[in-house]
Amino acid sequence: MRERPGMSYRYRCDQCRTTSPPVLTRAGLADERRQHRRDFHGGHIPDGEHVIEPEPFRFTDVPLGQWIVGTLMILIVLAGIAVRIL
């Protein structure tokens, strides 16, 4: 499963068949994991636990429309700077 928007992480315990709500940081993920282990497994590591994390960002994932708008915005800013200098 590809997870893109928000770059969120989730903790999954296959033994309990539960998945945590999305968290934005690895520290938040560690807290979710620690809390689940403490509450449901007596602090032990359950068999089958894993982390669901997004795939690394690639520039090719940016939609063409955003590339075009971004390029136009950069050109406008550079033109504005050139006008002020000249």
Protein backbone atom coordinates (compact mmCIF):
# COMPACT_ATOMS: atom_id res chain seq x y z
CA MET A 1 0.00 0.00 0.00
CA ARG A 2 1.43 3.40 -0.98
CA GLU A 3 1.09 6.10 1.61
CA ARG A 4 1.83 9.58 0.30
CA PRO A 5 -0.14 12.52 1.70
CA GLY A 6 0.97 13.78 5.06
CA MET A 7 4.00 11.51 5.30
CA SER A 8 2.47 9.69 8.22
CA TYR A 9 3.66 6.61 10.08
CA ARG A 10 1.46 3.95 11.67
CA TYR A 11 2.18 1.12 14.08
CA ARG A 12 0.63 -2.26 13.25
CA CYS A 13 0.24 -5.17 15.69
CA ASP A 14 -0.79 -8.27 13.75
CA GLN A 15 -1.37 -10.18 16.98
CA CYS A 16 -4.06 -7.73 18.12
CA ARG A 17 -5.08 -6.94 14.54
CA THR A 18 -4.89 -3.22 15.23
CA THR A 19 -3.25 -0.27 13.52
CA SER A 20 -2.50 3.00 15.28
CA PRO A 21 -3.81 6.33 14.04
CA PRO A 22 -1.33 8.13 11.75
CA VAL A 23 1.47 10.10 13.42
CA LEU A 24 3.75 12.60 11.69
CA THR A 25 7.08 11.85 13.39
CA ARG A 26 9.17 8.83 14.28
CA ALA A 27 9.05 10.00 17.92
CA GLY A 28 5.25 9.85 17.79
CA LEU A 29 5.51 6.38 16.26
CA ALA A 30 7.82 5.23 19.06
CA ASP A 31 5.31 6.55 21.63
CA GLU A 32 2.46 4.65 19.94
CA ARG A 33 4.50 1.44 19.89
CA ARG A 34 5.63 1.80 23.52
CA GLN A 35 2.09 2.58 24.71
CA HIS A 36 0.60 -0.41 22.86
CA ARG A 37 3.26 -2.80 24.17
CA ARG A 38 2.73 -1.57 27.72
CA ASP A 39 -1.08 -1.62 27.61
CA PHE A 40 -1.68 -4.90 25.77
CA HIS A 41 1.48 -7.01 25.98
CA GLY A 42 2.94 -6.27 29.41
CA GLY A 43 5.82 -4.35 27.81
CA HIS A 44 6.87 -7.32 25.67
CA ILE A 45 7.37 -7.15 21.91
CA PRO A 46 4.46 -8.90 20.17
CA ASP A 47 5.13 -11.27 17.29
CA GLY A 48 4.19 -9.79 13.95
CA GLU A 49 4.44 -6.10 14.81
CA HIS A 50 5.62 -3.73 12.12
CA VAL A 51 5.75 -0.10 11.11
CA ILE A 52 3.84 1.21 8.11
CA GLU A 53 5.79 4.11 6.69
CA PRO A 54 5.58 6.10 3.47
CA GLU A 55 7.89 5.44 0.56
CA PRO A 56 10.72 7.98 0.12
CA PHE A 57 9.84 11.19 -1.71
CA ARG A 58 10.76 11.34 -5.39
CA PHE A 59 10.60 14.45 -7.55
CA THR A 60 8.85 12.40 -10.23
CA ASP A 61 5.87 12.10 -7.84
CA VAL A 62 5.10 15.82 -8.20
CA PRO A 63 2.23 16.35 -10.67
CA LEU A 64 3.06 18.13 -13.93
CA GLY A 65 0.70 21.03 -13.12
CA GLN A 66 2.62 21.78 -9.92
CA TRP A 67 5.91 21.73 -11.81
CA ILE A 68 4.53 24.25 -14.31
CA VAL A 69 3.10 26.58 -11.65
CA GLY A 70 6.27 26.34 -9.56
CA THR A 71 8.46 27.16 -12.56
CA LEU A 72 6.26 30.15 -13.47
CA MET A 73 6.42 31.46 -9.90
CA ILE A 74 10.22 31.21 -9.87
CA LEU A 75 10.43 33.03 -13.21
CA ILE A 76 8.16 35.82 -11.93
CA VAL A 77 10.26 36.27 -8.79
CA LEU A 78 13.49 36.30 -10.80
CA ALA A 79 11.98 38.84 -13.26
CA GLY A 80 10.95 41.04 -10.33
CA ILE A 81 14.47 40.91 -8.89
CA ALA A 82 15.97 41.68 -12.32
CA VAL A 83 13.66 44.71 -12.75
CA ARG A 84 14.70 46.11 -9.34
CA ILE A 85 18.41 45.62 -10.05
CA LEU A 86 18.34 47.03 -13.58
